[in-house]
Amino acid sequence: MNVTMKMTIENPSKSSSIIVSIFIGICLSLIALITALG
């Protein structure tokens, strides 16, 4: 987590792409969980 924060601080232009990648990861995890339960 500290590495991600450091990268975000050093490269502000890449912060949006990092946020998008994290959001996609969370969405995929939720879809996998729903599929497993359903």
Protein backbone atom coordinates (compact mmCIF):
# COMPACT_ATOMS: atom_id res chain seq x y z
CA MET A 1 0.00 0.00 0.00
CA ASN A 2 2.86 2.36 0.83
CA VAL A 3 4.41 1.66 -2.57
CA THR A 4 1.17 2.62 -4.33
CA MET A 5 0.90 5.83 -2.33
CA LYS A 6 4.55 6.68 -3.09
CA MET A 7 4.00 6.08 -6.81
CA THR A 8 0.89 8.27 -6.72
CA ILE A 9 2.78 11.09 -5.02
CA GLU A 10 5.74 10.85 -7.40
CA ASN A 11 3.60 10.47 -10.53
CA PRO A 12 0.36 12.46 -10.10
CA SER A 13 -0.55 11.84 -13.75
CA LYS A 14 -0.71 8.09 -13.12
CA SER A 15 -2.90 8.36 -10.01
CA SER A 16 -6.10 8.19 -12.08
CA SER A 17 -5.00 4.98 -13.82
CA ILE A 18 -4.11 3.44 -10.44
CA ILE A 19 -7.56 4.34 -9.09
CA VAL A 20 -9.22 2.86 -12.18
CA SER A 21 -7.22 -0.38 -11.88
CA ILE A 22 -8.16 -0.71 -8.19
CA PHE A 23 -11.83 -0.05 -9.04
CA ILE A 24 -11.76 -2.73 -11.76
CA GLY A 25 -10.13 -5.18 -9.34
CA ILE A 26 -12.86 -4.58 -6.75
CA CYS A 27 -15.59 -5.02 -9.38
CA LEU A 28 -14.07 -8.31 -10.58
CA SER A 29 -13.83 -9.54 -6.99
CA LEU A 30 -17.50 -8.72 -6.38
CA ILE A 31 -18.55 -10.48 -9.60
CA ALA A 32 -16.52 -13.56 -8.62
CA LEU A 33 -18.07 -13.57 -5.13
CA ILE A 34 -21.62 -13.23 -6.49
CA THR A 35 -20.96 -16.02 -8.99
CA ALA A 36 -19.62 -18.30 -6.25
CA LEU A 37 -22.60 -17.62 -3.98
CA GLY A 38 -25.19 -17.70 -6.73
